[in-house]
C-alpha atoms as a PDB file:
ATOM      1  CA  UNK A   1      21.623  12.310  -5.307  1.00  0.00           C
ATOM      2  CA  UNK A   2      21.718  10.236  -2.203  1.00  0.00           C
ATOM      3  CA  UNK A   3      21.849  11.389   1.142  1.00  0.00           C
ATOM      4  CA  UNK A   4      23.895  10.219   4.200  1.00  0.00           C
ATOM      5  CA  UNK A   5      24.243   6.395   4.546  1.00  0.00           C
ATOM      6  CA  UNK A   6      23.553   6.092   0.955  1.00  0.00           C
ATOM      7  CA  UNK A   7      19.609   6.393   1.402  1.00  0.00           C
ATOM      8  CA  UNK A   8      17.596   8.178  -1.273  1.00  0.00           C
ATOM      9  CA  UNK A   9      16.292  11.760  -0.497  1.00  0.00           C
ATOM     10  CA  UNK A  10      12.664  10.813  -1.107  1.00  0.00           C
ATOM     11  CA  UNK A  11      11.048   9.339   1.833  1.00  0.00           C
ATOM     12  CA  UNK A  12       9.329   6.746  -0.315  1.00  0.00           C
ATOM     13  CA  UNK A  13      12.547   5.983  -1.983  1.00  0.00           C
ATOM     14  CA  UNK A  14      13.929   5.337   1.578  1.00  0.00           C
ATOM     15  CA  UNK A  15      11.035   2.829   2.425  1.00  0.00           C
ATOM     16  CA  UNK A  16      11.491   1.071  -0.778  1.00  0.00           C
ATOM     17  CA  UNK A  17      15.158   0.701  -0.314  1.00  0.00           C
ATOM     18  CA  UNK A  18      15.013  -1.035   3.043  1.00  0.00           C
ATOM     19  CA  UNK A  19      11.691  -3.193   2.585  1.00  0.00           C
ATOM     20  CA  UNK A  20      10.983  -2.899  -1.049  1.00  0.00           C
ATOM     21  CA  UNK A  21      11.272  -6.514  -2.192  1.00  0.00           C
ATOM     22  CA  UNK A  22       8.707  -9.583  -2.437  1.00  0.00           C
ATOM     23  CA  UNK A  23      10.595 -11.519   0.348  1.00  0.00           C
ATOM     24  CA  UNK A  24      11.437  -8.669   2.612  1.00  0.00           C
ATOM     25  CA  UNK A  25       7.812  -7.827   2.808  1.00  0.00           C
ATOM     26  CA  UNK A  26       6.733 -11.360   3.453  1.00  0.00           C
ATOM     27  CA  UNK A  27       9.282 -12.041   5.885  1.00  0.00           C
ATOM     28  CA  UNK A  28       8.124  -8.797   7.936  1.00  0.00           C
ATOM     29  CA  UNK A  29       4.558 -10.034   7.509  1.00  0.00           C
ATOM     30  CA  UNK A  30       5.467 -13.287   9.285  1.00  0.00           C
ATOM     31  CA  UNK A  31       7.750 -11.717  12.128  1.00  0.00           C
ATOM     32  CA  UNK A  32       4.875  -9.288  12.814  1.00  0.00           C
ATOM     33  CA  UNK A  33       3.427 -12.141  14.486  1.00  0.00           C
ATOM     34  CA  UNK A  34       6.402 -12.609  16.869  1.00  0.00           C
ATOM     35  CA  UNK A  35       9.767 -14.200  16.701  1.00  0.00           C
ATOM     36  CA  UNK A  36      10.453 -17.154  14.397  1.00  0.00           C
ATOM     37  CA  UNK A  37      13.281 -19.400  13.915  1.00  0.00           C
ATOM     38  CA  UNK A  38      14.966 -19.798  10.190  1.00  0.00           C
ATOM     39  CA  UNK A  39      12.991 -23.106   9.553  1.00  0.00           C
ATOM     40  CA  UNK A  40       9.656 -21.773  10.367  1.00  0.00           C
ATOM     41  CA  UNK A  41      10.305 -18.896   8.477  1.00  0.00           C
ATOM     42  CA  UNK A  42      11.173 -21.123   5.327  1.00  0.00           C
ATOM     43  CA  UNK A  43       8.085 -23.016   6.132  1.00  0.00           C
ATOM     44  CA  UNK A  44       5.652 -20.411   5.906  1.00  0.00           C
ATOM     45  CA  UNK A  45       7.241 -18.467   3.109  1.00  0.00           C
ATOM     46  CA  UNK A  46       7.136 -21.843   0.862  1.00  0.00           C
ATOM     47  CA  UNK A  47       9.555 -21.342  -2.573  1.00  0.00           C
ATOM     48  CA  UNK A  48      12.243 -19.269  -0.805  1.00  0.00           C
ATOM     49  CA  UNK A  49      15.586 -20.816  -0.952  1.00  0.00           C
ATOM     50  CA  UNK A  50      17.875 -21.074   2.007  1.00  0.00           C
ATOM     51  CA  UNK A  51      20.467 -18.709   0.485  1.00  0.00           C
ATOM     52  CA  UNK A  52      17.765 -15.944  -0.338  1.00  0.00           C
ATOM     53  CA  UNK A  53      16.370 -16.293   3.082  1.00  0.00           C
ATOM     54  CA  UNK A  54      19.647 -16.037   4.741  1.00  0.00           C
ATOM     55  CA  UNK A  55      20.730 -13.170   2.877  1.00  0.00           C
ATOM     56  CA  UNK A  56      17.639 -11.195   3.158  1.00  0.00           C
ATOM     57  CA  UNK A  57      17.674 -11.757   6.652  1.00  0.00           C
ATOM     58  CA  UNK A  58      21.110 -10.513   7.155  1.00  0.00           C
ATOM     59  CA  UNK A  59      20.158  -7.334   5.176  1.00  0.00           C
ATOM     60  CA  UNK A  60      16.990  -6.766   7.579  1.00  0.00           C
ATOM     61  CA  UNK A  61      19.320  -7.117  10.229  1.00  0.00           C
ATOM     62  CA  UNK A  62      22.162  -4.837   8.972  1.00  0.00           C
ATOM     63  CA  UNK A  63      19.269  -2.184   8.311  1.00  0.00           C
ATOM     64  CA  UNK A  64      18.139  -2.616  12.269  1.00  0.00           C
ATOM     65  CA  UNK A  65      14.774  -3.623  11.024  1.00  0.00           C
ATOM     66  CA  UNK A  66      14.942  -7.074  12.748  1.00  0.00           C
ATOM     67  CA  UNK A  67      16.941  -8.447  15.651  1.00  0.00           C
ATOM     68  CA  UNK A  68      18.699 -11.780  15.354  1.00  0.00           C
ATOM     69  CA  UNK A  69      18.521 -13.434  18.853  1.00  0.00           C
ATOM     70  CA  UNK A  70      21.178 -16.243  19.309  1.00  0.00           C
ATOM     71  CA  UNK A  71      19.900 -18.684  22.342  1.00  0.00           C
ATOM     72  CA  UNK A  72      23.053 -20.953  23.372  1.00  0.00           C
ATOM     73  CA  UNK A  73      21.850 -24.232  24.346  1.00  0.00           C
ATOM     74  CA  UNK A  74      22.899 -27.926  23.760  1.00  0.00           C
ATOM     75  CA  UNK A  75      22.127 -26.866  20.203  1.00  0.00           C
ATOM     76  CA  UNK A  76      22.382 -23.213  19.107  1.00  0.00           C
ATOM     77  CA  UNK A  77      18.931 -21.658  18.606  1.00  0.00           C
ATOM     78  CA  UNK A  78      18.519 -18.485  16.578  1.00  0.00           C
ATOM     79  CA  UNK A  79      15.467 -16.431  16.453  1.00  0.00           C
ATOM     80  CA  UNK A  80      14.356 -13.508  14.384  1.00  0.00           C
ATOM     81  CA  UNK A  81      11.962 -10.781  15.722  1.00  0.00           C
ATOM     82  CA  UNK A  82      11.137  -7.251  14.660  1.00  0.00           C
ATOM     83  CA  UNK A  83      13.184  -4.610  16.214  1.00  0.00           C
ATOM     84  CA  UNK A  84      11.325  -1.337  17.582  1.00  0.00           C
ATOM     85  CA  UNK A  85      11.826   0.495  14.426  1.00  0.00           C
ATOM     86  CA  UNK A  86      10.641  -2.761  12.570  1.00  0.00           C
ATOM     87  CA  UNK A  87       7.894  -2.797  14.938  1.00  0.00           C
ATOM     88  CA  UNK A  88       6.579   0.690  13.500  1.00  0.00           C
ATOM     89  CA  UNK A  89       6.009  -0.875  10.253  1.00  0.00           C
ATOM     90  CA  UNK A  90       2.822  -2.773  11.237  1.00  0.00           C
ATOM     91  CA  UNK A  91       0.555  -0.185  10.188  1.00  0.00           C
ATOM     92  CA  UNK A  92       2.505  -0.275   6.652  1.00  0.00           C
ATOM     93  CA  UNK A  93       2.154  -3.924   6.319  1.00  0.00           C
ATOM     94  CA  UNK A  94      -1.569  -3.715   7.544  1.00  0.00           C
ATOM     95  CA  UNK A  95      -2.056  -1.184   4.851  1.00  0.00           C
ATOM     96  CA  UNK A  96      -0.417  -3.350   2.259  1.00  0.00           C
ATOM     97  CA  UNK A  97      -2.528  -6.357   3.116  1.00  0.00           C
ATOM     98  CA  UNK A  98      -5.636  -4.245   3.223  1.00  0.00           C
ATOM     99  CA  UNK A  99      -4.982  -2.922  -0.068  1.00  0.00           C
ATOM    100  CA  UNK A 100      -4.106  -6.145  -1.577  1.00  0.00           C
ATOM    101  CA  UNK A 101      -7.542  -7.735  -0.472  1.00  0.00           C
ATOM    102  CA  UNK A 102      -9.107  -4.753  -2.188  1.00  0.00           C
ATOM    103  CA  UNK A 103      -7.310  -5.472  -5.183  1.00  0.00           C
ATOM    104  CA  UNK A 104      -8.114  -9.120  -5.181  1.00  0.00           C
ATOM    105  CA  UNK A 105     -11.973  -8.304  -4.976  1.00  0.00           C
ATOM    106  CA  UNK A 106     -11.675  -5.731  -7.708  1.00  0.00           C
ATOM    107  CA  UNK A 107      -9.814  -8.113 -10.101  1.00  0.00           C
ATOM    108  CA  UNK A 108     -12.145 -10.736  -9.098  1.00  0.00           C
ATOM    109  CA  UNK A 109     -15.544  -8.883  -9.467  1.00  0.00           C
ATOM    110  CA  UNK A 110     -17.011  -7.132 -12.403  1.00  0.00           C
ATOM    111  CA  UNK A 111     -14.713  -4.077 -13.195  1.00  0.00           C
ATOM    112  CA  UNK A 112     -16.516  -1.179 -14.690  1.00  0.00           C
ATOM    113  CA  UNK A 113     -14.520   1.937 -15.502  1.00  0.00           C
ATOM    114  CA  UNK A 114     -17.276   4.034 -14.602  1.00  0.00           C
ATOM    115  CA  UNK A 115     -16.294   3.573 -10.827  1.00  0.00           C
ATOM    116  CA  UNK A 116     -12.696   4.529 -11.554  1.00  0.00           C
ATOM    117  CA  UNK A 117     -14.010   8.076 -11.819  1.00  0.00           C
ATOM    118  CA  UNK A 118     -11.953   8.755 -15.108  1.00  0.00           C
END
């Protein structure tokens, strides 16, 4: 059963519903380094289509995780950056990255079941 605003009751479920897709996590990782324009994000993410990037950025903006800054100039420039609540995800992103590095080492090294404690 969902709570107010359609969010799950389980805190992990809330987190997954907001940032739990491949592209959202990768976008957030890039924006943790600072504001970026659409084309910069797309180049860093390699393999994401315009439509998926646009839709994902819109979703993160609607959820309040990122801020879309429009800078009017001779040609309109748009940058995306983490919001205050988005910045609070940095430790989560760091932990996910650290876990991924450990997992990669485990997969590439000898894997004895004895170290699993099972």
